[in-house]
Amino acid sequence: MEYYYIKSLHLIFVITWFAGLFYIVRLFVYQIEAFHKPSPEKEILGKQFKIMAKRLWYIITWPSMLLSIFFAVWLLSIRTFYLTDAWMQVKLGFVVLLIIYHVKCHLIFKNLQKDVVKYSSNFMRLFNEGATIMLFAIVFLVILKNAVDWIYGTLGIVVFALLLMFGFKFYKRLREKG
C-alpha cells in the first residue's frame, strides 16, 4: 500500500513540475515582449512579470522538481527491478533531458531577472514545446512499457515534435502578416 501513496505523491509533483515549466516559459515570452515596449509600459510590465516568474519558479517549479525526483528515487528503491527494463532506462533518459531543460530555464530566468534578454519571444514559443515533447514521451513510455510499443511511441514523439515545429512556423507567419 505504501508504494501507491508514494506513487500518488510522485505523480502530483510531476504534474505541478510540468505546470511550472509550461507557465515559466510563457512568462519568458511575455517578459521578452515587455522588454521591447516603450517606457513606462516596459518597466511596469517587466516588474510584474519578474515577480510572477520568481514566485512560480521558487515556490512551485523548483520544489515540485525536487519532490518529483525524491519520490521517484523512493519508488525505484522499492521496485529496483524496474531499472533493468528498457522502457524505464529510456524514460530515465527523458527525465535527464527534462532536468537539463529545467536547468536551462533557470539560466534564462536568472538572465531575465537581470534584464538580460538573449532570446526572441519566437524562440521562447518554440522552446516552450520542449517540455510538451518530453511529457508525451515519458507518459507513453510509462503506459506502454512494451519494447515495440515504446519504440513506436518514441518515433511518434519525433513526428509530433516535427508537427509542432511546422505549426509554430505557420503560426509565426500568420502573426507577421496580421
N, C-alpha and C. Protein backbone atom coordinates (compact mmCIF):
# COMPACT_ATOMS: atom_id res chain seq x y z
N MET A 1 0.83 -1.20 0.00
CA MET A 1 0.00 0.00 0.00
C MET A 1 0.87 1.26 0.00
N GLU A 2 2.00 1.20 0.71
CA GLU A 2 2.90 2.34 0.79
C GLU A 2 3.32 2.78 -0.62
N TYR A 3 3.59 1.81 -1.48
CA TYR A 3 4.03 2.10 -2.85
C TYR A 3 3.04 3.02 -3.57
N TYR A 4 1.75 2.78 -3.41
CA TYR A 4 0.75 3.57 -4.13
C TYR A 4 0.62 5.00 -3.58
N TYR A 5 0.84 5.17 -2.30
CA TYR A 5 0.86 6.53 -1.73
C TYR A 5 2.06 7.31 -2.27
N ILE A 6 3.20 6.65 -2.30
CA ILE A 6 4.40 7.31 -2.81
C ILE A 6 4.24 7.62 -4.30
N LYS A 7 3.68 6.67 -5.03
CA LYS A 7 3.45 6.87 -6.47
C LYS A 7 2.49 8.04 -6.70
N SER A 8 1.45 8.13 -5.89
CA SER A 8 0.50 9.24 -6.00
C SER A 8 1.19 10.58 -5.76
N LEU A 9 2.01 10.65 -4.72
CA LEU A 9 2.74 11.88 -4.44
C LEU A 9 3.71 12.21 -5.58
N HIS A 10 4.36 11.19 -6.11
CA HIS A 10 5.26 11.40 -7.25
C HIS A 10 4.49 12.01 -8.43
N LEU A 11 3.35 11.45 -8.75
CA LEU A 11 2.56 11.95 -9.88
C LEU A 11 2.06 13.37 -9.64
N ILE A 12 1.64 13.67 -8.43
CA ILE A 12 1.18 15.03 -8.11
C ILE A 12 2.30 16.03 -8.36
N PHE A 13 3.50 15.70 -7.89
CA PHE A 13 4.61 16.65 -8.06
C PHE A 13 5.13 16.69 -9.50
N VAL A 14 4.99 15.59 -10.23
CA VAL A 14 5.33 15.63 -11.66
C VAL A 14 4.39 16.59 -12.38
N ILE A 15 3.11 16.50 -12.06
CA ILE A 15 2.11 17.37 -12.69
C ILE A 15 2.39 18.83 -12.37
N THR A 16 2.67 19.14 -11.10
CA THR A 16 2.94 20.54 -10.76
C THR A 16 4.27 21.01 -11.34
N TRP A 17 5.23 20.11 -11.47
CA TRP A 17 6.51 20.46 -12.10
C TRP A 17 6.28 20.86 -13.56
N PHE A 18 5.53 20.03 -14.27
CA PHE A 18 5.25 20.35 -15.68
C PHE A 18 4.43 21.63 -15.79
N ALA A 19 3.47 21.82 -14.91
CA ALA A 19 2.69 23.06 -14.95
C ALA A 19 3.62 24.26 -14.80
N GLY A 20 4.55 24.17 -13.88
CA GLY A 20 5.51 25.25 -13.68
C GLY A 20 6.38 25.47 -14.90
N LEU A 21 6.85 24.38 -15.52
CA LEU A 21 7.68 24.51 -16.71
C LEU A 21 6.90 25.12 -17.88
N PHE A 22 5.65 24.68 -18.04
CA PHE A 22 4.84 25.25 -19.13
C PHE A 22 4.62 26.75 -18.92
N TYR A 23 4.33 27.13 -17.69
CA TYR A 23 3.98 28.53 -17.44
C TYR A 23 5.20 29.44 -17.39
N ILE A 24 6.33 28.94 -16.87
CA ILE A 24 7.50 29.81 -16.76
C ILE A 24 7.98 30.25 -18.14
N VAL A 25 7.96 29.35 -19.10
CA VAL A 25 8.43 29.74 -20.44
C VAL A 25 7.43 30.70 -21.08
N ARG A 26 6.16 30.54 -20.79
CA ARG A 26 5.16 31.50 -21.28
C ARG A 26 5.43 32.88 -20.66
N LEU A 27 5.79 32.90 -19.39
CA LEU A 27 6.17 34.17 -18.76
C LEU A 27 7.43 34.75 -19.39
N PHE A 28 8.36 33.88 -19.80
CA PHE A 28 9.55 34.37 -20.51
C PHE A 28 9.14 35.11 -21.78
N VAL A 29 8.19 34.54 -22.52
CA VAL A 29 7.70 35.18 -23.75
C VAL A 29 7.18 36.57 -23.42
N TYR A 30 6.35 36.67 -22.39
CA TYR A 30 5.78 37.96 -22.01
C TYR A 30 6.85 38.93 -21.52
N GLN A 31 7.82 38.44 -20.75
CA GLN A 31 8.90 39.31 -20.28
C GLN A 31 9.71 39.86 -21.45
N ILE A 32 10.03 39.02 -22.40
CA ILE A 32 10.82 39.46 -23.55
C ILE A 32 10.04 40.48 -24.37
N GLU A 33 8.76 40.21 -24.57
CA GLU A 33 7.94 41.16 -25.33
C GLU A 33 7.80 42.49 -24.57
N ALA A 34 7.66 42.42 -23.26
CA ALA A 34 7.57 43.65 -22.45
C ALA A 34 8.88 44.43 -22.50
N PHE A 35 9.99 43.74 -22.58
CA PHE A 35 11.30 44.38 -22.62
C PHE A 35 11.44 45.29 -23.84
N HIS A 36 10.74 44.97 -24.91
CA HIS A 36 10.84 45.74 -26.15
C HIS A 36 9.76 46.81 -26.28
N LYS A 37 8.96 46.98 -25.26
CA LYS A 37 7.92 48.02 -25.28
C LYS A 37 8.52 49.36 -24.83
N PRO A 38 7.84 50.46 -25.17
CA PRO A 38 8.33 51.78 -24.74
C PRO A 38 8.06 51.99 -23.24
N SER A 39 8.81 52.94 -22.66
CA SER A 39 8.57 53.33 -21.26
C SER A 39 7.26 54.08 -21.18
N PRO A 40 6.55 54.03 -20.11
CA PRO A 40 6.76 53.32 -18.85
C PRO A 40 6.22 51.89 -18.88
N GLU A 41 5.58 51.52 -19.99
CA GLU A 41 4.99 50.18 -20.10
C GLU A 41 6.04 49.09 -19.87
N LYS A 42 7.22 49.30 -20.43
CA LYS A 42 8.31 48.34 -20.28
C LYS A 42 8.63 48.08 -18.81
N GLU A 43 8.76 49.12 -18.04
CA GLU A 43 9.14 48.98 -16.63
C GLU A 43 8.01 48.38 -15.79
N ILE A 44 6.79 48.83 -16.05
CA ILE A 44 5.64 48.33 -15.28
C ILE A 44 5.43 46.84 -15.53
N LEU A 45 5.37 46.47 -16.81
CA LEU A 45 5.16 45.05 -17.14
C LEU A 45 6.36 44.21 -16.72
N GLY A 46 7.56 44.72 -16.96
CA GLY A 46 8.77 43.98 -16.61
C GLY A 46 8.81 43.64 -15.13
N LYS A 47 8.48 44.63 -14.30
CA LYS A 47 8.49 44.41 -12.85
C LYS A 47 7.47 43.35 -12.44
N GLN A 48 6.27 43.44 -13.01
CA GLN A 48 5.22 42.48 -12.66
C GLN A 48 5.57 41.06 -13.12
N PHE A 49 6.10 40.93 -14.33
CA PHE A 49 6.47 39.59 -14.83
C PHE A 49 7.62 39.00 -14.03
N LYS A 50 8.55 39.82 -13.58
CA LYS A 50 9.65 39.32 -12.74
C LYS A 50 9.12 38.75 -11.43
N ILE A 51 8.18 39.46 -10.82
CA ILE A 51 7.57 38.97 -9.56
C ILE A 51 6.85 37.65 -9.80
N MET A 52 6.04 37.62 -10.86
CA MET A 52 5.28 36.39 -11.17
C MET A 52 6.23 35.22 -11.42
N ALA A 53 7.27 35.45 -12.22
CA ALA A 53 8.22 34.40 -12.56
C ALA A 53 8.96 33.91 -11.31
N LYS A 54 9.37 34.84 -10.47
CA LYS A 54 10.12 34.47 -9.26
C LYS A 54 9.26 33.60 -8.33
N ARG A 55 8.03 33.99 -8.13
CA ARG A 55 7.14 33.20 -7.26
C ARG A 55 6.88 31.82 -7.85
N LEU A 56 6.57 31.79 -9.14
CA LEU A 56 6.32 30.49 -9.80
C LEU A 56 7.55 29.59 -9.71
N TRP A 57 8.69 30.16 -10.01
CA TRP A 57 9.92 29.37 -10.11
C TRP A 57 10.35 28.81 -8.76
N TYR A 58 10.35 29.66 -7.74
CA TYR A 58 10.88 29.22 -6.45
C TYR A 58 9.85 28.60 -5.52
N ILE A 59 8.58 28.91 -5.71
CA ILE A 59 7.55 28.38 -4.81
C ILE A 59 6.89 27.12 -5.38
N ILE A 60 6.82 27.01 -6.70
CA ILE A 60 6.14 25.86 -7.31
C ILE A 60 7.09 24.96 -8.08
N THR A 61 7.81 25.52 -9.05
CA THR A 61 8.53 24.69 -10.01
C THR A 61 9.73 23.97 -9.41
N TRP A 62 10.63 24.70 -8.74
CA TRP A 62 11.78 24.04 -8.13
C TRP A 62 11.37 23.01 -7.08
N PRO A 63 10.51 23.37 -6.11
CA PRO A 63 10.11 22.34 -5.13
C PRO A 63 9.44 21.13 -5.79
N SER A 64 8.64 21.36 -6.82
CA SER A 64 7.96 20.24 -7.50
C SER A 64 8.97 19.31 -8.15
N MET A 65 10.00 19.89 -8.81
CA MET A 65 11.02 19.05 -9.42
C MET A 65 11.74 18.21 -8.36
N LEU A 66 12.15 18.86 -7.29
CA LEU A 66 12.90 18.16 -6.24
C LEU A 66 12.05 17.06 -5.59
N LEU A 67 10.79 17.36 -5.32
CA LEU A 67 9.91 16.35 -4.73
C LEU A 67 9.59 15.23 -5.72
N SER A 68 9.45 15.55 -6.99
CA SER A 68 9.25 14.51 -8.02
C SER A 68 10.41 13.53 -8.01
N ILE A 69 11.61 14.07 -8.00
CA ILE A 69 12.80 13.22 -8.02
C ILE A 69 12.91 12.42 -6.72
N PHE A 70 12.64 13.07 -5.59
CA PHE A 70 12.69 12.38 -4.29
C PHE A 70 11.76 11.17 -4.29
N PHE A 71 10.50 11.38 -4.69
CA PHE A 71 9.54 10.27 -4.67
C PHE A 71 9.85 9.23 -5.75
N ALA A 72 10.43 9.65 -6.87
CA ALA A 72 10.84 8.69 -7.91
C ALA A 72 11.94 7.77 -7.40
N VAL A 73 12.92 8.36 -6.71
CA VAL A 73 14.01 7.55 -6.15
C VAL A 73 13.45 6.59 -5.11
N TRP A 74 12.53 7.06 -4.30
CA TRP A 74 11.89 6.21 -3.29
C TRP A 74 11.16 5.05 -3.97
N LEU A 75 10.41 5.35 -5.03
CA LEU A 75 9.69 4.30 -5.76
C LEU A 75 10.67 3.27 -6.34
N LEU A 76 11.75 3.77 -6.92
CA LEU A 76 12.72 2.85 -7.52
C LEU A 76 13.46 2.04 -6.45
N SER A 77 13.58 2.58 -5.26
CA SER A 77 14.22 1.81 -4.19
C SER A 77 13.31 0.67 -3.72
N ILE A 78 12.01 0.84 -3.90
CA ILE A 78 11.06 -0.22 -3.54
C ILE A 78 10.99 -1.28 -4.64
N ARG A 79 11.04 -0.83 -5.88
CA ARG A 79 10.93 -1.74 -7.02
C ARG A 79 12.14 -1.58 -7.93
N THR A 80 13.28 -2.02 -7.43
CA THR A 80 14.55 -1.86 -8.16
C THR A 80 14.57 -2.63 -9.48
N PHE A 81 13.76 -3.66 -9.59
CA PHE A 81 13.75 -4.46 -10.82
C PHE A 81 13.36 -3.63 -12.05
N TYR A 82 12.65 -2.51 -11.85
CA TYR A 82 12.29 -1.64 -12.98
C TYR A 82 13.53 -1.09 -13.68
N LEU A 83 14.62 -0.95 -12.94
CA LEU A 83 15.83 -0.37 -13.52
C LEU A 83 16.43 -1.24 -14.62
N THR A 84 16.07 -2.51 -14.66
CA THR A 84 16.58 -3.39 -15.72
C THR A 84 15.70 -3.38 -16.96
N ASP A 85 14.53 -2.76 -16.87
CA ASP A 85 13.61 -2.71 -18.01
C ASP A 85 14.02 -1.62 -18.99
N ALA A 86 13.99 -1.96 -20.27
CA ALA A 86 14.40 -1.00 -21.31
C ALA A 86 13.54 0.26 -21.28
N TRP A 87 12.23 0.11 -21.10
CA TRP A 87 11.36 1.29 -21.10
C TRP A 87 11.73 2.25 -19.98
N MET A 88 12.12 1.70 -18.81
CA MET A 88 12.49 2.57 -17.69
C MET A 88 13.80 3.28 -17.97
N GLN A 89 14.73 2.59 -18.60
CA GLN A 89 16.00 3.22 -18.94
C GLN A 89 15.81 4.37 -19.92
N VAL A 90 14.93 4.16 -20.91
CA VAL A 90 14.63 5.22 -21.87
C VAL A 90 13.90 6.36 -21.16
N LYS A 91 12.95 6.01 -20.30
CA LYS A 91 12.22 7.03 -19.54
C LYS A 91 13.18 7.87 -18.70
N LEU A 92 14.10 7.23 -18.03
CA LEU A 92 15.07 7.96 -17.21
C LEU A 92 15.95 8.86 -18.07
N GLY A 93 16.21 8.43 -19.30
CA GLY A 93 16.93 9.29 -20.25
C GLY A 93 16.14 10.56 -20.54
N PHE A 94 14.84 10.42 -20.75
CA PHE A 94 13.99 11.60 -20.96
C PHE A 94 13.91 12.46 -19.70
N VAL A 95 13.92 11.83 -18.53
CA VAL A 95 13.90 12.60 -17.29
C VAL A 95 15.19 13.42 -17.17
N VAL A 96 16.32 12.83 -17.53
CA VAL A 96 17.58 13.59 -17.53
C VAL A 96 17.47 14.78 -18.47
N LEU A 97 16.90 14.56 -19.67
CA LEU A 97 16.70 15.68 -20.60
C LEU A 97 15.78 16.73 -20.00
N LEU A 98 14.76 16.29 -19.27
CA LEU A 98 13.84 17.23 -18.64
C LEU A 98 14.56 18.06 -17.56
N ILE A 99 15.44 17.43 -16.83
CA ILE A 99 16.21 18.15 -15.81
C ILE A 99 17.14 19.16 -16.49
N ILE A 100 17.75 18.78 -17.59
CA ILE A 100 18.59 19.71 -18.35
C ILE A 100 17.74 20.88 -18.85
N TYR A 101 16.55 20.60 -19.34
CA TYR A 101 15.62 21.64 -19.78
C TYR A 101 15.29 22.58 -18.61
N HIS A 102 15.04 22.00 -17.45
CA HIS A 102 14.74 22.78 -16.25
C HIS A 102 15.92 23.72 -15.90
N VAL A 103 17.13 23.18 -15.95
CA VAL A 103 18.32 23.99 -15.64
C VAL A 103 18.48 25.11 -16.67
N LYS A 104 18.22 24.80 -17.94
CA LYS A 104 18.28 25.85 -18.98
C LYS A 104 17.24 26.93 -18.69
N CYS A 105 16.04 26.52 -18.29
CA CYS A 105 15.02 27.51 -17.90
C CYS A 105 15.51 28.36 -16.74
N HIS A 106 16.22 27.75 -15.81
CA HIS A 106 16.73 28.50 -14.67
C HIS A 106 17.73 29.57 -15.13
N LEU A 107 18.59 29.20 -16.07
CA LEU A 107 19.57 30.17 -16.59
C LEU A 107 18.87 31.32 -17.30
N ILE A 108 17.85 31.00 -18.08
CA ILE A 108 17.07 32.05 -18.76
C ILE A 108 16.36 32.92 -17.73
N PHE A 109 15.78 32.28 -16.72
CA PHE A 109 15.11 33.00 -15.64
C PHE A 109 16.06 33.99 -14.98
N LYS A 110 17.26 33.53 -14.62
CA LYS A 110 18.23 34.40 -13.96
C LYS A 110 18.60 35.59 -14.84
N ASN A 111 18.79 35.35 -16.13
CA ASN A 111 19.10 36.45 -17.05
C ASN A 111 17.96 37.45 -17.14
N LEU A 112 16.75 36.96 -17.28
CA LEU A 112 15.60 37.86 -17.41
C LEU A 112 15.36 38.66 -16.13
N GLN A 113 15.69 38.07 -14.99
CA GLN A 113 15.57 38.81 -13.73
C GLN A 113 16.54 40.00 -13.70
N LYS A 114 17.64 39.90 -14.47
CA LYS A 114 18.64 40.98 -14.55
C LYS A 114 18.46 41.82 -15.82
N ASP A 115 17.31 41.63 -16.51
CA ASP A 115 17.03 42.35 -17.77
C ASP A 115 18.03 42.02 -18.88
N VAL A 116 18.56 40.81 -18.85
CA VAL A 116 19.44 40.34 -19.92
C VAL A 116 18.59 39.44 -20.82
N VAL A 117 18.32 39.93 -22.03
CA VAL A 117 17.49 39.20 -22.99
C VAL A 117 18.39 38.62 -24.07
N LYS A 118 18.49 37.31 -24.10
CA LYS A 118 19.35 36.63 -25.08
C LYS A 118 18.57 35.94 -26.19
N TYR A 119 17.26 35.82 -26.01
CA TYR A 119 16.43 35.08 -26.96
C TYR A 119 15.24 35.92 -27.38
N SER A 120 14.69 35.59 -28.54
CA SER A 120 13.49 36.28 -29.00
C SER A 120 12.26 35.61 -28.39
N SER A 121 11.14 36.30 -28.44
CA SER A 121 9.90 35.70 -27.94
C SER A 121 9.50 34.54 -28.84
N ASN A 122 9.82 34.61 -30.12
CA ASN A 122 9.52 33.49 -31.02
C ASN A 122 10.34 32.25 -30.65
N PHE A 123 11.60 32.44 -30.31
CA PHE A 123 12.42 31.32 -29.86
C PHE A 123 11.81 30.69 -28.61
N MET A 124 11.36 31.53 -27.68
CA MET A 124 10.77 31.03 -26.44
C MET A 124 9.48 30.25 -26.70
N ARG A 125 8.70 30.70 -27.67
CA ARG A 125 7.48 29.96 -28.02
C ARG A 125 7.83 28.55 -28.49
N LEU A 126 8.87 28.44 -29.28
CA LEU A 126 9.30 27.13 -29.76
C LEU A 126 9.94 26.33 -28.62
N PHE A 127 10.75 26.99 -27.81
CA PHE A 127 11.40 26.34 -26.67
C PHE A 127 10.35 25.78 -25.70
N ASN A 128 9.22 26.44 -25.59
CA ASN A 128 8.14 26.00 -24.71
C ASN A 128 7.64 24.60 -25.05
N GLU A 129 7.82 24.19 -26.30
CA GLU A 129 7.34 22.86 -26.71
C GLU A 129 8.25 21.74 -26.23
N GLY A 130 9.45 22.08 -25.77
CA GLY A 130 10.37 21.05 -25.27
C GLY A 130 9.77 20.24 -24.14
N ALA A 131 9.16 20.91 -23.19
CA ALA A 131 8.53 20.19 -22.07
C ALA A 131 7.36 19.34 -22.55
N THR A 132 6.62 19.84 -23.52
CA THR A 132 5.49 19.08 -24.06
C THR A 132 5.96 17.78 -24.69
N ILE A 133 7.02 17.86 -25.47
CA ILE A 133 7.55 16.67 -26.14
C ILE A 133 8.02 15.65 -25.10
N MET A 134 8.72 16.12 -24.07
CA MET A 134 9.19 15.19 -23.04
C MET A 134 8.03 14.60 -22.24
N LEU A 135 7.00 15.39 -22.00
CA LEU A 135 5.82 14.87 -21.30
C LEU A 135 5.18 13.73 -22.10
N PHE A 136 4.97 13.95 -23.38
CA PHE A 136 4.40 12.90 -24.23
C PHE A 136 5.27 11.65 -24.19
N ALA A 137 6.57 11.83 -24.36
CA ALA A 137 7.49 10.68 -24.39
C ALA A 137 7.42 9.90 -23.09
N ILE A 138 7.49 10.59 -21.98
CA ILE A 138 7.51 9.91 -20.67
C ILE A 138 6.19 9.20 -20.40
N VAL A 139 5.08 9.84 -20.69
CA VAL A 139 3.78 9.21 -20.44
C VAL A 139 3.61 7.96 -21.30
N PHE A 140 3.94 8.06 -22.59
CA PHE A 140 3.81 6.88 -23.45
C PHE A 140 4.73 5.75 -22.99
N LEU A 141 5.93 6.08 -22.58
CA LEU A 141 6.85 5.03 -22.11
C LEU A 141 6.31 4.35 -20.86
N VAL A 142 5.79 5.11 -19.93
CA VAL A 142 5.28 4.54 -18.68
C VAL A 142 4.04 3.69 -18.94
N ILE A 143 3.16 4.15 -19.79
CA ILE A 143 1.91 3.43 -20.03
C ILE A 143 2.12 2.20 -20.90
N LEU A 144 2.89 2.33 -21.97
CA LEU A 144 3.04 1.23 -22.93
C LEU A 144 4.02 0.15 -22.47
N LYS A 145 5.14 0.53 -21.93
CA LYS A 145 6.18 -0.35 -21.40
C LYS A 145 6.71 -1.39 -22.39
N ASN A 146 5.89 -1.94 -23.22
CA ASN A 146 6.33 -2.95 -24.19
C ASN A 146 7.39 -2.36 -25.11
N ALA A 147 8.45 -3.11 -25.34
CA ALA A 147 9.59 -2.62 -26.12
C ALA A 147 9.18 -2.12 -27.50
N VAL A 148 8.38 -2.90 -28.23
CA VAL A 148 7.98 -2.48 -29.58
C VAL A 148 7.10 -1.24 -29.49
N ASP A 149 6.17 -1.23 -28.54
CA ASP A 149 5.28 -0.08 -28.40
C ASP A 149 6.02 1.19 -28.05
N TRP A 150 7.02 1.12 -27.15
CA TRP A 150 7.71 2.35 -26.79
C TRP A 150 8.59 2.84 -27.92
N ILE A 151 9.08 1.93 -28.77
CA ILE A 151 9.86 2.37 -29.94
C ILE A 151 8.95 3.14 -30.88
N TYR A 152 7.77 2.59 -31.15
CA TYR A 152 6.80 3.33 -31.98
C TYR A 152 6.38 4.63 -31.31
N GLY A 153 6.20 4.56 -30.01
CA GLY A 153 5.83 5.77 -29.27
C GLY A 153 6.91 6.83 -29.37
N THR A 154 8.16 6.43 -29.26
CA THR A 154 9.27 7.37 -29.37
C THR A 154 9.33 7.97 -30.78
N LEU A 155 9.14 7.13 -31.79
CA LEU A 155 9.08 7.65 -33.16
C LEU A 155 7.90 8.60 -33.32
N GLY A 156 6.79 8.27 -32.68
CA GLY A 156 5.63 9.16 -32.70
C GLY A 156 5.95 10.51 -32.08
N ILE A 157 6.77 10.51 -31.04
CA ILE A 157 7.17 11.76 -30.40
C ILE A 157 7.99 12.61 -31.36
N VAL A 158 8.87 11.98 -32.11
CA VAL A 158 9.68 12.71 -33.10
C VAL A 158 8.76 13.34 -34.14
N VAL A 159 7.79 12.56 -34.63
CA VAL A 159 6.83 13.10 -35.61
C VAL A 159 6.03 14.24 -34.98
N PHE A 160 5.61 14.05 -33.73
CA PHE A 160 4.88 15.08 -33.01
C PHE A 160 5.71 16.36 -32.90
N ALA A 161 7.00 16.21 -32.58
CA ALA A 161 7.89 17.38 -32.47
C ALA A 161 8.00 18.10 -33.81
N LEU A 162 8.11 17.34 -34.89
CA LEU A 162 8.19 17.96 -36.22
C LEU A 162 6.90 18.71 -36.55
N LEU A 163 5.76 18.11 -36.21
CA LEU A 163 4.48 18.78 -36.44
C LEU A 163 4.38 20.07 -35.62
N LEU A 164 4.86 20.03 -34.40
CA LEU A 164 4.86 21.24 -33.57
C LEU A 164 5.71 22.34 -34.20
N MET A 165 6.87 21.95 -34.72
CA MET A 165 7.75 22.94 -35.35
C MET A 165 7.09 23.55 -36.58
N PHE A 166 6.48 22.71 -37.41
CA PHE A 166 5.79 23.22 -38.60
C PHE A 166 4.62 24.12 -38.19
N GLY A 167 3.88 23.69 -37.17
CA GLY A 167 2.77 24.51 -36.67
C GLY A 167 3.25 25.84 -36.15
N PHE A 168 4.39 25.83 -35.47
CA PHE A 168 4.96 27.06 -34.95
C PHE A 168 5.34 28.00 -36.09
N LYS A 169 5.99 27.45 -37.12
CA LYS A 169 6.39 28.29 -38.27
C LYS A 169 5.17 28.87 -38.98
N PHE A 170 4.12 28.06 -39.10
CA PHE A 170 2.89 28.53 -39.72
C PHE A 170 2.27 29.66 -38.88
N TYR A 171 2.21 29.46 -37.57
CA TYR A 171 1.66 30.46 -36.66
C TYR A 171 2.50 31.75 -36.71
N LYS A 172 3.80 31.61 -36.79
CA LYS A 172 4.68 32.78 -36.86
C LYS A 172 4.39 33.59 -38.13
N ARG A 173 4.20 32.90 -39.24
CA ARG A 173 3.88 33.60 -40.49
C ARG A 173 2.54 34.33 -40.40
N LEU A 174 1.56 33.70 -39.77
CA LEU A 174 0.27 34.34 -39.57
C LEU A 174 0.40 35.58 -38.71
N ARG A 175 1.20 35.50 -37.65
CA ARG A 175 1.41 36.66 -36.76
C ARG A 175 2.10 37.80 -37.50
N GLU A 176 3.06 37.47 -38.36
CA GLU A 176 3.79 38.51 -39.08
C GLU A 176 2.92 39.18 -40.14
N LYS A 177 1.98 38.43 -40.72
CA LYS A 177 1.08 39.02 -41.73
C LYS A 177 0.01 39.89 -41.09
N GLY A 178 -0.46 39.48 -39.92
CA GLY A 178 -1.59 40.18 -39.30
C GLY A 178 -1.13 41.13 -38.30
